[in-house]
């Protein structure tokens, strides 16, 4: 998943991720350009999911 894919419709993507993992907060999903690994780490910490599952969910949410 590229930076542009994540950044493109980020508000829509955030909403879909919150639907999938209700325990995520706005702070968890605060995306700052160049901080992809930090974003994934926050989601992983909050959900306990694998990086692969998070990447798949981000891809599905941004489609």
Protein backbone atom coordinates (compact mmCIF):
# COMPACT_ATOMS: atom_id res chain seq x y z
CA UNK A 1 0.00 0.00 0.00
CA UNK A 2 1.49 3.31 -1.04
CA UNK A 3 1.49 6.60 0.78
CA UNK A 4 -0.85 8.06 -1.84
CA UNK A 5 -3.31 5.20 -1.48
CA UNK A 6 -3.48 5.72 2.26
CA UNK A 7 -3.63 9.51 2.06
CA UNK A 8 -6.17 9.69 -0.79
CA UNK A 9 -9.46 9.12 1.01
CA UNK A 10 -8.17 8.94 4.56
CA UNK A 11 -11.40 10.02 6.28
CA UNK A 12 -13.35 7.29 4.50
CA UNK A 13 -10.63 4.76 5.25
CA UNK A 14 -10.57 5.75 8.94
CA UNK A 15 -14.32 5.23 9.20
CA UNK A 16 -14.11 1.78 7.65
CA UNK A 17 -11.26 0.78 9.97
CA UNK A 18 -13.26 1.95 13.00
CA UNK A 19 -16.17 -0.17 11.82
CA UNK A 20 -13.87 -3.20 11.59
CA UNK A 21 -12.02 -2.52 14.86
CA UNK A 22 -14.26 -0.46 17.16
CA UNK A 23 -11.49 -0.08 19.76
CA UNK A 24 -9.47 2.20 17.44
CA UNK A 25 -9.49 5.90 18.33
CA UNK A 26 -8.92 8.98 16.18
CA UNK A 27 -5.51 9.26 17.82
CA UNK A 28 -4.67 5.68 16.81
CA UNK A 29 -5.56 6.53 13.23
CA UNK A 30 -3.79 9.86 13.01
CA UNK A 31 -1.80 9.50 9.81
CA UNK A 32 1.17 11.76 9.27
CA UNK A 33 3.00 11.58 6.00
CA UNK A 34 6.15 9.51 6.37
CA UNK A 35 4.89 7.74 9.50
CA UNK A 36 3.37 4.63 7.93
CA UNK A 37 5.18 2.27 10.31
CA UNK A 38 3.99 4.24 13.32
CA UNK A 39 0.40 4.09 12.06
CA UNK A 40 0.63 0.35 11.56
CA UNK A 41 2.20 -0.04 15.01
CA UNK A 42 -0.63 1.91 16.65
CA UNK A 43 -3.28 -0.19 14.92
CA UNK A 44 -1.41 -3.38 15.78
CA UNK A 45 -1.11 -2.37 19.44
CA UNK A 46 -4.81 -1.47 19.68
CA UNK A 47 -6.13 -4.53 17.85
CA UNK A 48 -3.52 -7.25 18.30
CA UNK A 49 -3.73 -7.97 14.56
CA UNK A 50 -0.79 -8.98 12.38
CA UNK A 51 0.80 -6.50 10.00
CA UNK A 52 -0.53 -8.56 7.09
CA UNK A 53 -4.10 -8.33 8.42
CA UNK A 54 -3.73 -4.58 8.91
CA UNK A 55 -2.35 -4.08 5.39
CA UNK A 56 -5.22 -6.14 3.98
CA UNK A 57 -7.79 -4.15 5.95
CA UNK A 58 -6.26 -0.84 4.86
CA UNK A 59 -6.29 -1.97 1.26
CA UNK A 60 -9.93 -3.10 1.49
CA UNK A 61 -10.97 0.07 3.32
CA UNK A 62 -9.35 2.33 0.75
CA UNK A 63 -10.85 0.53 -2.24
